[in-house]
Amino acid sequence: MSRLPHDLPAFEEQVADLRGYLMKFARLQLRNETWAEDAVSEVMLAALAKPQAFGNRSQLKTWLVGILKHKIIDAIRQRAREVCQEQDRSESDEDPLDYLGFKADGHYVEPPAEWGNPEQQASSRQFFEVLEACVSHLPVVQGRLFLMREWLELSSEEVCKELGLTSTNLYVQLHRARLRLRECLELNWYGKAVQP
């Protein structure tokens, strides 16, 4: 049986201090202020109602994000019928290859920047801030499906159902999202890291 945190008032204060971080992530995934607020409120209530569930087996932030992940999945499933499907801004006459700097034969106009040691850089908090900013600049549908598939680890079938996409369209949109994220990271993270 898990024990209560040693200092309950300090625990409550730490939970409250992480609210802003949780809201930022919930907004990014749910794209709806009210739904994000609801999900984070549920996390806060769950954590404060059963502080003994924490048990110091991980960092508090990790534990709360784990709870939030499940609350976001629940919110997406619960509100699937309520969500308005926005038209993806990338669905225009422009060719995404033009946007990403490819030649007609599929080769880069300019080769990508050297990424150095991605594993080492990926552990950096600043890297995740840049990645989060890059994800937030994706078209709405691409941002949501990327986070649903890669962070929330929903199955392709669940993502298709929630966003009203065919499996073919899901993979096309996911590919475009990854290409845009790569370009954004090259410009805003790796490009800066390798410049003299």
N, C-alpha and C. Protein backbone atom coordinates (compact mmCIF):
# COMPACT_ATOMS: atom_id res chain seq x y z
N MET A 1 0.85 -1.19 0.00
CA MET A 1 0.00 0.00 0.00
C MET A 1 0.89 1.25 0.00
N SER A 2 0.60 2.20 -0.88
CA SER A 2 1.40 3.42 -0.99
C SER A 2 1.13 4.35 0.18
N ARG A 3 2.18 5.05 0.57
CA ARG A 3 2.05 6.01 1.67
C ARG A 3 1.72 7.39 1.12
N LEU A 4 1.21 8.22 2.00
CA LEU A 4 0.99 9.62 1.65
C LEU A 4 2.34 10.30 1.48
N PRO A 5 2.43 11.30 0.59
CA PRO A 5 3.68 12.05 0.49
C PRO A 5 4.05 12.61 1.86
N HIS A 6 5.36 12.66 2.12
CA HIS A 6 5.88 13.09 3.42
C HIS A 6 5.29 14.42 3.87
N ASP A 7 5.23 15.40 2.98
CA ASP A 7 4.74 16.73 3.31
C ASP A 7 3.57 17.05 2.38
N LEU A 8 2.35 16.78 2.85
CA LEU A 8 1.16 16.93 2.00
C LEU A 8 0.98 18.36 1.48
N PRO A 9 1.14 19.42 2.28
CA PRO A 9 1.00 20.77 1.73
C PRO A 9 2.02 21.07 0.63
N ALA A 10 3.25 20.59 0.79
CA ALA A 10 4.27 20.79 -0.24
C ALA A 10 3.89 20.04 -1.51
N PHE A 11 3.34 18.83 -1.35
CA PHE A 11 2.88 18.04 -2.50
C PHE A 11 1.80 18.80 -3.26
N GLU A 12 0.84 19.32 -2.53
CA GLU A 12 -0.25 20.08 -3.17
C GLU A 12 0.29 21.31 -3.90
N GLU A 13 1.27 21.95 -3.32
CA GLU A 13 1.88 23.13 -3.95
C GLU A 13 2.63 22.74 -5.23
N GLN A 14 3.34 21.64 -5.19
CA GLN A 14 4.07 21.17 -6.37
C GLN A 14 3.10 20.81 -7.50
N VAL A 15 1.99 20.18 -7.14
CA VAL A 15 0.97 19.84 -8.15
C VAL A 15 0.43 21.12 -8.77
N ALA A 16 0.12 22.10 -7.94
CA ALA A 16 -0.40 23.38 -8.43
C ALA A 16 0.62 24.09 -9.33
N ASP A 17 1.90 24.00 -8.98
CA ASP A 17 2.95 24.64 -9.79
C ASP A 17 3.06 24.04 -11.18
N LEU A 18 2.69 22.78 -11.35
CA LEU A 18 2.79 22.11 -12.65
C LEU A 18 1.56 22.33 -13.53
N ARG A 19 0.57 23.03 -13.03
CA ARG A 19 -0.67 23.26 -13.78
C ARG A 19 -0.41 23.95 -15.12
N GLY A 20 0.43 24.96 -15.13
CA GLY A 20 0.72 25.69 -16.37
C GLY A 20 1.33 24.79 -17.43
N TYR A 21 2.25 23.94 -17.02
CA TYR A 21 2.86 22.99 -17.96
C TYR A 21 1.81 22.04 -18.53
N LEU A 22 0.96 21.51 -17.66
CA LEU A 22 -0.08 20.59 -18.10
C LEU A 22 -1.06 21.28 -19.05
N MET A 23 -1.42 22.53 -18.76
CA MET A 23 -2.34 23.28 -19.64
C MET A 23 -1.72 23.48 -21.01
N LYS A 24 -0.45 23.80 -21.04
CA LYS A 24 0.23 24.03 -22.32
C LYS A 24 0.14 22.79 -23.20
N PHE A 25 0.41 21.63 -22.62
CA PHE A 25 0.34 20.41 -23.41
C PHE A 25 -1.10 20.08 -23.80
N ALA A 26 -2.04 20.22 -22.87
CA ALA A 26 -3.44 19.89 -23.17
C ALA A 26 -3.99 20.79 -24.28
N ARG A 27 -3.63 22.08 -24.25
CA ARG A 27 -4.07 23.00 -25.32
C ARG A 27 -3.51 22.57 -26.67
N LEU A 28 -2.26 22.18 -26.68
CA LEU A 28 -1.60 21.79 -27.91
C LEU A 28 -2.30 20.58 -28.54
N GLN A 29 -2.70 19.63 -27.73
CA GLN A 29 -3.34 18.43 -28.26
C GLN A 29 -4.83 18.63 -28.53
N LEU A 30 -5.56 19.23 -27.62
CA LEU A 30 -7.00 19.32 -27.75
C LEU A 30 -7.46 20.50 -28.60
N ARG A 31 -6.63 21.54 -28.70
CA ARG A 31 -6.94 22.73 -29.51
C ARG A 31 -8.27 23.36 -29.12
N ASN A 32 -8.59 23.25 -27.85
CA ASN A 32 -9.84 23.82 -27.33
C ASN A 32 -9.58 24.17 -25.86
N GLU A 33 -9.66 25.44 -25.55
CA GLU A 33 -9.33 25.92 -24.20
C GLU A 33 -10.19 25.25 -23.13
N THR A 34 -11.48 25.12 -23.38
CA THR A 34 -12.38 24.53 -22.39
C THR A 34 -12.06 23.07 -22.15
N TRP A 35 -11.84 22.33 -23.22
CA TRP A 35 -11.52 20.91 -23.08
C TRP A 35 -10.19 20.73 -22.37
N ALA A 36 -9.22 21.57 -22.70
CA ALA A 36 -7.91 21.50 -22.05
C ALA A 36 -8.05 21.78 -20.56
N GLU A 37 -8.83 22.80 -20.23
CA GLU A 37 -9.06 23.15 -18.82
C GLU A 37 -9.74 21.99 -18.09
N ASP A 38 -10.72 21.37 -18.72
CA ASP A 38 -11.40 20.23 -18.11
C ASP A 38 -10.44 19.08 -17.85
N ALA A 39 -9.61 18.75 -18.85
CA ALA A 39 -8.67 17.63 -18.71
C ALA A 39 -7.67 17.90 -17.59
N VAL A 40 -7.12 19.10 -17.55
CA VAL A 40 -6.14 19.44 -16.52
C VAL A 40 -6.79 19.48 -15.15
N SER A 41 -8.01 20.01 -15.07
CA SER A 41 -8.72 20.03 -13.78
C SER A 41 -8.94 18.62 -13.26
N GLU A 42 -9.28 17.69 -14.17
CA GLU A 42 -9.47 16.30 -13.75
C GLU A 42 -8.17 15.70 -13.24
N VAL A 43 -7.06 16.03 -13.88
CA VAL A 43 -5.75 15.55 -13.43
C VAL A 43 -5.45 16.09 -12.03
N MET A 44 -5.66 17.39 -11.85
CA MET A 44 -5.38 18.02 -10.56
C MET A 44 -6.25 17.39 -9.46
N LEU A 45 -7.53 17.22 -9.76
CA LEU A 45 -8.43 16.63 -8.77
C LEU A 45 -8.03 15.20 -8.42
N ALA A 46 -7.68 14.42 -9.45
CA ALA A 46 -7.27 13.03 -9.22
C ALA A 46 -6.00 12.97 -8.36
N ALA A 47 -5.04 13.83 -8.67
CA ALA A 47 -3.79 13.83 -7.91
C ALA A 47 -4.00 14.26 -6.47
N LEU A 48 -4.82 15.29 -6.27
CA LEU A 48 -5.05 15.79 -4.92
C LEU A 48 -5.98 14.90 -4.12
N ALA A 49 -6.88 14.18 -4.80
CA ALA A 49 -7.80 13.28 -4.10
C ALA A 49 -7.08 12.03 -3.59
N LYS A 50 -6.05 11.58 -4.33
CA LYS A 50 -5.34 10.36 -3.94
C LYS A 50 -3.83 10.59 -4.02
N PRO A 51 -3.29 11.42 -3.14
CA PRO A 51 -1.85 11.69 -3.18
C PRO A 51 -1.02 10.44 -2.91
N GLN A 52 -1.59 9.48 -2.20
CA GLN A 52 -0.85 8.25 -1.91
C GLN A 52 -0.59 7.44 -3.17
N ALA A 53 -1.34 7.67 -4.24
CA ALA A 53 -1.14 6.95 -5.50
C ALA A 53 0.19 7.33 -6.14
N PHE A 54 0.71 8.51 -5.81
CA PHE A 54 1.98 8.96 -6.39
C PHE A 54 3.11 8.06 -5.92
N GLY A 55 3.27 7.90 -4.64
CA GLY A 55 4.23 6.98 -4.08
C GLY A 55 5.69 7.23 -4.41
N ASN A 56 6.04 8.38 -4.97
CA ASN A 56 7.43 8.73 -5.29
C ASN A 56 8.15 7.70 -6.16
N ARG A 57 7.42 6.98 -7.01
CA ARG A 57 8.06 5.99 -7.89
C ARG A 57 8.63 6.64 -9.15
N SER A 58 8.28 7.89 -9.40
CA SER A 58 8.79 8.65 -10.55
C SER A 58 8.79 10.12 -10.14
N GLN A 59 9.14 10.98 -11.09
CA GLN A 59 9.03 12.41 -10.81
C GLN A 59 7.56 12.79 -10.84
N LEU A 60 7.19 13.76 -10.06
CA LEU A 60 5.80 14.20 -9.99
C LEU A 60 5.29 14.63 -11.36
N LYS A 61 6.12 15.37 -12.08
CA LYS A 61 5.74 15.85 -13.41
C LYS A 61 5.43 14.67 -14.34
N THR A 62 6.25 13.64 -14.31
CA THR A 62 6.05 12.45 -15.14
C THR A 62 4.75 11.76 -14.78
N TRP A 63 4.48 11.65 -13.50
CA TRP A 63 3.26 11.01 -13.03
C TRP A 63 2.02 11.78 -13.50
N LEU A 64 2.05 13.11 -13.34
CA LEU A 64 0.92 13.93 -13.75
C LEU A 64 0.71 13.90 -15.26
N VAL A 65 1.79 13.92 -16.03
CA VAL A 65 1.67 13.85 -17.49
C VAL A 65 1.08 12.51 -17.89
N GLY A 66 1.43 11.45 -17.19
CA GLY A 66 0.84 10.13 -17.48
C GLY A 66 -0.67 10.15 -17.27
N ILE A 67 -1.10 10.78 -16.20
CA ILE A 67 -2.55 10.89 -15.96
C ILE A 67 -3.18 11.75 -17.05
N LEU A 68 -2.54 12.86 -17.39
CA LEU A 68 -3.06 13.77 -18.41
C LEU A 68 -3.20 13.06 -19.75
N LYS A 69 -2.24 12.23 -20.08
CA LYS A 69 -2.29 11.49 -21.34
C LYS A 69 -3.59 10.71 -21.44
N HIS A 70 -3.96 10.03 -20.37
CA HIS A 70 -5.22 9.26 -20.37
C HIS A 70 -6.45 10.17 -20.41
N LYS A 71 -6.38 11.30 -19.73
CA LYS A 71 -7.51 12.24 -19.75
C LYS A 71 -7.70 12.81 -21.15
N ILE A 72 -6.61 13.08 -21.86
CA ILE A 72 -6.71 13.62 -23.22
C ILE A 72 -7.33 12.57 -24.14
N ILE A 73 -6.88 11.33 -24.01
CA ILE A 73 -7.46 10.27 -24.83
C ILE A 73 -8.95 10.16 -24.55
N ASP A 74 -9.33 10.20 -23.28
CA ASP A 74 -10.75 10.15 -22.91
C ASP A 74 -11.51 11.32 -23.52
N ALA A 75 -10.93 12.52 -23.45
CA ALA A 75 -11.60 13.71 -23.99
C ALA A 75 -11.78 13.59 -25.50
N ILE A 76 -10.77 13.10 -26.17
CA ILE A 76 -10.87 12.95 -27.63
C ILE A 76 -11.96 11.95 -27.97
N ARG A 77 -11.99 10.85 -27.29
CA ARG A 77 -13.01 9.83 -27.56
C ARG A 77 -14.42 10.34 -27.21
N GLN A 78 -14.52 11.01 -26.07
CA GLN A 78 -15.82 11.48 -25.60
C GLN A 78 -16.39 12.56 -26.51
N ARG A 79 -15.55 13.41 -27.03
CA ARG A 79 -16.03 14.54 -27.81
C ARG A 79 -15.86 14.35 -29.31
N ALA A 80 -15.61 13.13 -29.73
CA ALA A 80 -15.35 12.88 -31.15
C ALA A 80 -16.49 13.39 -32.03
N ARG A 81 -17.70 13.24 -31.58
CA ARG A 81 -18.84 13.69 -32.39
C ARG A 81 -19.03 15.20 -32.34
N GLU A 82 -18.47 15.84 -31.29
CA GLU A 82 -18.64 17.28 -31.15
C GLU A 82 -17.58 18.09 -31.90
N VAL A 83 -16.45 17.43 -32.18
CA VAL A 83 -15.33 18.15 -32.77
C VAL A 83 -15.65 18.55 -34.20
N CYS A 84 -15.48 19.81 -34.48
CA CYS A 84 -15.65 20.29 -35.84
C CYS A 84 -14.41 19.92 -36.63
N GLN A 85 -14.62 19.38 -37.80
CA GLN A 85 -13.48 19.04 -38.64
C GLN A 85 -13.08 20.27 -39.44
N GLU A 86 -11.90 20.80 -39.09
CA GLU A 86 -11.40 21.96 -39.82
C GLU A 86 -10.73 21.50 -41.09
N GLN A 87 -10.87 22.31 -42.12
CA GLN A 87 -10.19 22.01 -43.37
C GLN A 87 -8.70 22.23 -43.18
N ASP A 88 -7.92 21.26 -43.52
CA ASP A 88 -6.46 21.36 -43.38
C ASP A 88 -5.95 22.44 -44.31
N ARG A 89 -5.20 23.39 -43.73
CA ARG A 89 -4.68 24.50 -44.53
C ARG A 89 -3.76 24.03 -45.64
N SER A 90 -3.22 22.83 -45.48
CA SER A 90 -2.29 22.36 -46.50
C SER A 90 -3.02 21.77 -47.70
N GLU A 91 -4.31 21.62 -47.62
CA GLU A 91 -5.08 21.06 -48.72
C GLU A 91 -5.40 22.12 -49.75
N SER A 92 -4.39 22.63 -50.38
CA SER A 92 -4.59 23.62 -51.42
C SER A 92 -3.93 23.11 -52.68
N ASP A 93 -3.83 23.97 -53.67
CA ASP A 93 -3.23 23.57 -54.93
C ASP A 93 -1.72 23.52 -54.85
N GLU A 94 -1.13 24.02 -53.76
CA GLU A 94 0.33 24.01 -53.66
C GLU A 94 0.84 22.60 -53.44
N ASP A 95 1.95 22.30 -54.05
CA ASP A 95 2.58 21.00 -53.90
C ASP A 95 3.46 21.05 -52.66
N PRO A 96 3.27 20.12 -51.69
CA PRO A 96 4.08 20.16 -50.48
C PRO A 96 5.56 20.01 -50.77
N LEU A 97 5.91 19.40 -51.89
CA LEU A 97 7.32 19.27 -52.23
C LEU A 97 7.93 20.64 -52.52
N ASP A 98 7.13 21.56 -53.09
CA ASP A 98 7.63 22.91 -53.33
C ASP A 98 7.93 23.59 -52.00
N TYR A 99 7.04 23.41 -51.05
CA TYR A 99 7.19 24.03 -49.73
C TYR A 99 8.46 23.54 -49.04
N LEU A 100 8.78 22.26 -49.22
CA LEU A 100 9.90 21.67 -48.50
C LEU A 100 11.22 21.72 -49.25
N GLY A 101 11.24 22.34 -50.42
CA GLY A 101 12.49 22.54 -51.13
C GLY A 101 13.02 21.32 -51.86
N PHE A 102 12.14 20.56 -52.52
CA PHE A 102 12.57 19.43 -53.32
C PHE A 102 12.57 19.80 -54.80
N LYS A 103 13.45 19.14 -55.56
CA LYS A 103 13.45 19.27 -57.01
C LYS A 103 12.37 18.35 -57.58
N ALA A 104 12.08 18.50 -58.87
CA ALA A 104 11.06 17.68 -59.52
C ALA A 104 11.43 16.20 -59.46
N ASP A 105 12.74 15.87 -59.43
CA ASP A 105 13.16 14.46 -59.38
C ASP A 105 13.13 13.89 -57.96
N GLY A 106 12.70 14.70 -56.98
CA GLY A 106 12.56 14.23 -55.60
C GLY A 106 13.77 14.45 -54.73
N HIS A 107 14.87 14.96 -55.29
CA HIS A 107 16.06 15.25 -54.48
C HIS A 107 15.93 16.63 -53.86
N TYR A 108 16.67 16.83 -52.76
CA TYR A 108 16.67 18.13 -52.10
C TYR A 108 17.27 19.20 -53.01
N VAL A 109 16.69 20.41 -52.96
CA VAL A 109 17.32 21.55 -53.60
C VAL A 109 18.61 21.84 -52.85
N GLU A 110 18.52 21.80 -51.52
CA GLU A 110 19.68 21.99 -50.65
C GLU A 110 19.67 20.84 -49.64
N PRO A 111 20.78 20.11 -49.49
CA PRO A 111 20.77 18.97 -48.57
C PRO A 111 20.45 19.40 -47.14
N PRO A 112 19.83 18.50 -46.36
CA PRO A 112 19.52 18.85 -44.97
C PRO A 112 20.79 19.10 -44.17
N ALA A 113 20.63 19.88 -43.11
CA ALA A 113 21.77 20.19 -42.24
C ALA A 113 22.19 18.95 -41.47
N GLU A 114 23.44 18.91 -41.09
CA GLU A 114 23.97 17.82 -40.26
C GLU A 114 23.32 17.95 -38.87
N TRP A 115 22.80 16.85 -38.35
CA TRP A 115 22.09 16.89 -37.08
C TRP A 115 22.97 16.57 -35.89
N GLY A 116 24.21 16.27 -36.10
CA GLY A 116 25.09 15.98 -34.96
C GLY A 116 24.66 14.72 -34.24
N ASN A 117 24.47 14.80 -32.93
CA ASN A 117 24.07 13.67 -32.11
C ASN A 117 22.64 13.89 -31.62
N PRO A 118 21.63 13.44 -32.42
CA PRO A 118 20.23 13.70 -32.04
C PRO A 118 19.83 13.12 -30.70
N GLU A 119 20.38 11.95 -30.33
CA GLU A 119 20.00 11.35 -29.05
C GLU A 119 20.41 12.22 -27.87
N GLN A 120 21.60 12.78 -27.95
CA GLN A 120 22.08 13.65 -26.87
C GLN A 120 21.27 14.94 -26.83
N GLN A 121 21.00 15.53 -28.00
CA GLN A 121 20.26 16.79 -28.04
C GLN A 121 18.80 16.60 -27.68
N ALA A 122 18.24 15.41 -27.97
CA ALA A 122 16.84 15.16 -27.66
C ALA A 122 16.56 15.16 -26.17
N SER A 123 17.58 14.95 -25.35
CA SER A 123 17.36 14.96 -23.91
C SER A 123 17.33 16.38 -23.34
N SER A 124 17.58 17.36 -24.17
CA SER A 124 17.60 18.75 -23.74
C SER A 124 16.19 19.32 -23.61
N ARG A 125 15.95 20.03 -22.52
CA ARG A 125 14.64 20.67 -22.31
C ARG A 125 14.37 21.70 -23.40
N GLN A 126 15.43 22.40 -23.83
CA GLN A 126 15.27 23.41 -24.88
C GLN A 126 14.86 22.76 -26.19
N PHE A 127 15.38 21.56 -26.46
CA PHE A 127 14.99 20.85 -27.68
C PHE A 127 13.48 20.62 -27.67
N PHE A 128 12.95 20.16 -26.53
CA PHE A 128 11.52 19.88 -26.46
C PHE A 128 10.68 21.15 -26.57
N GLU A 129 11.21 22.26 -26.12
CA GLU A 129 10.50 23.53 -26.30
C GLU A 129 10.43 23.89 -27.78
N VAL A 130 11.53 23.69 -28.51
CA VAL A 130 11.54 23.96 -29.95
C VAL A 130 10.61 22.98 -30.67
N LEU A 131 10.67 21.70 -30.29
CA LEU A 131 9.79 20.70 -30.91
C LEU A 131 8.33 21.05 -30.67
N GLU A 132 8.00 21.46 -29.46
CA GLU A 132 6.62 21.84 -29.13
C GLU A 132 6.18 23.03 -29.97
N ALA A 133 7.06 24.01 -30.15
CA ALA A 133 6.74 25.17 -30.98
C ALA A 133 6.53 24.74 -32.42
N CYS A 134 7.37 23.82 -32.91
CA CYS A 134 7.23 23.33 -34.29
C CYS A 134 5.89 22.61 -34.47
N VAL A 135 5.52 21.77 -33.50
CA VAL A 135 4.25 21.05 -33.58
C VAL A 135 3.08 22.04 -33.57
N SER A 136 3.19 23.09 -32.76
CA SER A 136 2.08 24.05 -32.67
C SER A 136 1.90 24.85 -33.96
N HIS A 137 2.94 24.88 -34.82
CA HIS A 137 2.84 25.59 -36.09
C HIS A 137 2.41 24.69 -37.24
N LEU A 138 2.18 23.42 -36.95
CA LEU A 138 1.65 22.54 -38.00
C LEU A 138 0.20 22.91 -38.27
N PRO A 139 -0.30 22.61 -39.47
CA PRO A 139 -1.74 22.77 -39.69
C PRO A 139 -2.50 21.96 -38.64
N VAL A 140 -3.68 22.41 -38.28
CA VAL A 140 -4.43 21.86 -37.15
C VAL A 140 -4.56 20.33 -37.21
N VAL A 141 -5.02 19.81 -38.33
CA VAL A 141 -5.23 18.36 -38.43
C VAL A 141 -3.90 17.62 -38.31
N GLN A 142 -2.88 18.11 -38.97
CA GLN A 142 -1.58 17.45 -38.90
C GLN A 142 -1.02 17.45 -37.49
N GLY A 143 -1.14 18.57 -36.79
CA GLY A 143 -0.66 18.64 -35.41
C GLY A 143 -1.38 17.67 -34.50
N ARG A 144 -2.69 17.62 -34.64
CA ARG A 144 -3.47 16.71 -33.79
C ARG A 144 -3.14 15.26 -34.09
N LEU A 145 -3.11 14.90 -35.38
CA LEU A 145 -2.86 13.49 -35.68
C LEU A 145 -1.44 13.08 -35.33
N PHE A 146 -0.48 13.98 -35.48
CA PHE A 146 0.90 13.65 -35.08
C PHE A 146 0.96 13.36 -33.58
N LEU A 147 0.37 14.21 -32.77
CA LEU A 147 0.39 13.99 -31.32
C LEU A 147 -0.42 12.77 -30.92
N MET A 148 -1.56 12.56 -31.56
CA MET A 148 -2.38 11.40 -31.24
C MET A 148 -1.63 10.10 -31.54
N ARG A 149 -0.95 10.08 -32.67
CA ARG A 149 -0.26 8.86 -33.11
C ARG A 149 1.08 8.67 -32.39
N GLU A 150 1.87 9.73 -32.28
CA GLU A 150 3.23 9.59 -31.77
C GLU A 150 3.34 9.77 -30.25
N TRP A 151 2.56 10.67 -29.67
CA TRP A 151 2.71 10.90 -28.23
C TRP A 151 1.69 10.11 -27.42
N LEU A 152 0.43 10.17 -27.87
CA LEU A 152 -0.61 9.44 -27.15
C LEU A 152 -0.61 7.97 -27.53
N GLU A 153 0.07 7.63 -28.62
CA GLU A 153 0.22 6.26 -29.10
C GLU A 153 -1.11 5.59 -29.40
N LEU A 154 -2.05 6.37 -29.92
CA LEU A 154 -3.31 5.77 -30.37
C LEU A 154 -3.04 4.98 -31.64
N SER A 155 -3.84 3.96 -31.87
CA SER A 155 -3.67 3.17 -33.09
C SER A 155 -4.11 4.00 -34.29
N SER A 156 -3.65 3.60 -35.46
CA SER A 156 -4.05 4.30 -36.69
C SER A 156 -5.56 4.27 -36.85
N GLU A 157 -6.15 3.16 -36.50
CA GLU A 157 -7.61 3.02 -36.62
C GLU A 157 -8.33 4.03 -35.72
N GLU A 158 -7.85 4.20 -34.50
CA GLU A 158 -8.47 5.16 -33.58
C GLU A 158 -8.30 6.59 -34.08
N VAL A 159 -7.12 6.92 -34.58
CA VAL A 159 -6.87 8.27 -35.09
C VAL A 159 -7.79 8.55 -36.28
N CYS A 160 -7.88 7.58 -37.20
CA CYS A 160 -8.75 7.75 -38.37
C CYS A 160 -10.20 7.97 -37.95
N LYS A 161 -10.64 7.20 -36.98
CA LYS A 161 -12.02 7.32 -36.51
C LYS A 161 -12.26 8.69 -35.87
N GLU A 162 -11.33 9.13 -35.02
CA GLU A 162 -11.50 10.40 -34.32
C GLU A 162 -11.46 11.60 -35.25
N LEU A 163 -10.60 11.54 -36.28
CA LEU A 163 -10.44 12.69 -37.17
C LEU A 163 -11.19 12.54 -38.49
N GLY A 164 -11.89 11.43 -38.67
CA GLY A 164 -12.66 11.24 -39.89
C GLY A 164 -11.78 11.12 -41.13
N LEU A 165 -10.66 10.41 -41.01
CA LEU A 165 -9.72 10.26 -42.12
C LEU A 165 -9.72 8.81 -42.60
N THR A 166 -9.37 8.62 -43.87
CA THR A 166 -9.11 7.28 -44.35
C THR A 166 -7.69 6.91 -43.93
N SER A 167 -7.38 5.63 -43.94
CA SER A 167 -6.03 5.23 -43.53
C SER A 167 -4.99 5.79 -44.49
N THR A 168 -5.31 5.86 -45.77
CA THR A 168 -4.38 6.43 -46.75
C THR A 168 -4.13 7.90 -46.45
N ASN A 169 -5.20 8.65 -46.18
CA ASN A 169 -5.05 10.07 -45.87
C ASN A 169 -4.28 10.27 -44.57
N LEU A 170 -4.49 9.38 -43.60
CA LEU A 170 -3.74 9.47 -42.34
C LEU A 170 -2.25 9.39 -42.62
N TYR A 171 -1.83 8.42 -43.40
CA TYR A 171 -0.40 8.25 -43.65
C TYR A 171 0.17 9.40 -44.46
N VAL A 172 -0.62 9.93 -45.40
CA VAL A 172 -0.16 11.10 -46.17
C VAL A 172 0.02 12.29 -45.24
N GLN A 173 -0.98 12.56 -44.40
CA GLN A 173 -0.92 13.69 -43.47
C GLN A 173 0.20 13.51 -42.44
N LEU A 174 0.38 12.29 -41.95
CA LEU A 174 1.43 12.02 -40.98
C LEU A 174 2.80 12.22 -41.63
N HIS A 175 2.94 11.79 -42.87
CA HIS A 175 4.20 11.99 -43.60
C HIS A 175 4.47 13.49 -43.77
N ARG A 176 3.45 14.24 -44.16
CA ARG A 176 3.62 15.69 -44.32
C ARG A 176 3.99 16.35 -43.00
N ALA A 177 3.34 15.91 -41.92
CA ALA A 177 3.65 16.48 -40.60
C ALA A 177 5.11 16.21 -40.24
N ARG A 178 5.58 15.01 -40.47
CA ARG A 178 6.96 14.68 -40.15
C ARG A 178 7.94 15.48 -40.99
N LEU A 179 7.62 15.66 -42.27
CA LEU A 179 8.49 16.47 -43.13
C LEU A 179 8.56 17.92 -42.64
N ARG A 180 7.41 18.46 -42.28
CA ARG A 180 7.39 19.85 -41.80
C ARG A 180 8.12 19.98 -40.47
N LEU A 181 7.95 18.99 -39.60
CA LEU A 181 8.66 19.02 -38.32
C LEU A 181 10.16 18.93 -38.54
N ARG A 182 10.58 18.08 -39.46
CA ARG A 182 12.01 17.97 -39.75
C ARG A 182 12.56 19.30 -40.24
N GLU A 183 11.82 19.94 -41.16
CA GLU A 183 12.28 21.22 -41.68
C GLU A 183 12.34 22.27 -40.57
N CYS A 184 11.32 22.30 -39.74
CA CYS A 184 11.28 23.27 -38.64
C CYS A 184 12.44 23.03 -37.67
N LEU A 185 12.71 21.78 -37.34
CA LEU A 185 13.82 21.47 -36.44
C LEU A 185 15.16 21.81 -37.06
N GLU A 186 15.29 21.57 -38.35
CA GLU A 186 16.54 21.93 -39.02
C GLU A 186 16.77 23.44 -38.98
N LEU A 187 15.70 24.19 -39.15
CA LEU A 187 15.83 25.64 -39.15
C LEU A 187 16.02 26.22 -37.75
N ASN A 188 15.29 25.68 -36.80
CA ASN A 188 15.23 26.29 -35.47
C ASN A 188 16.05 25.60 -34.39
N TRP A 189 16.56 24.42 -34.66
CA TRP A 189 17.34 23.73 -33.65
C TRP A 189 18.68 23.25 -34.20
N TYR A 190 18.62 22.32 -35.12
CA TYR A 190 19.87 21.73 -35.61
C TYR A 190 20.68 22.72 -36.43
N GLY A 191 20.01 23.53 -37.23
CA GLY A 191 20.71 24.52 -38.01
C GLY A 191 21.50 25.48 -37.13
N LYS A 192 20.90 25.88 -36.02
CA LYS A 192 21.57 26.77 -35.08
C LYS A 192 22.70 26.05 -34.36
N ALA A 193 22.47 24.78 -34.06
CA ALA A 193 23.45 24.04 -33.29
C ALA A 193 24.74 23.79 -34.06
N VAL A 194 24.65 23.73 -35.40
CA VAL A 194 25.84 23.41 -36.17
C VAL A 194 26.50 24.62 -36.79
N GLN A 195 25.89 25.78 -36.66
CA GLN A 195 26.50 26.98 -37.22
C GLN A 195 27.68 27.41 -36.37
N PRO A 196 28.77 27.91 -37.01
CA PRO A 196 29.93 28.34 -36.22
C PRO A 196 29.63 29.58 -35.41
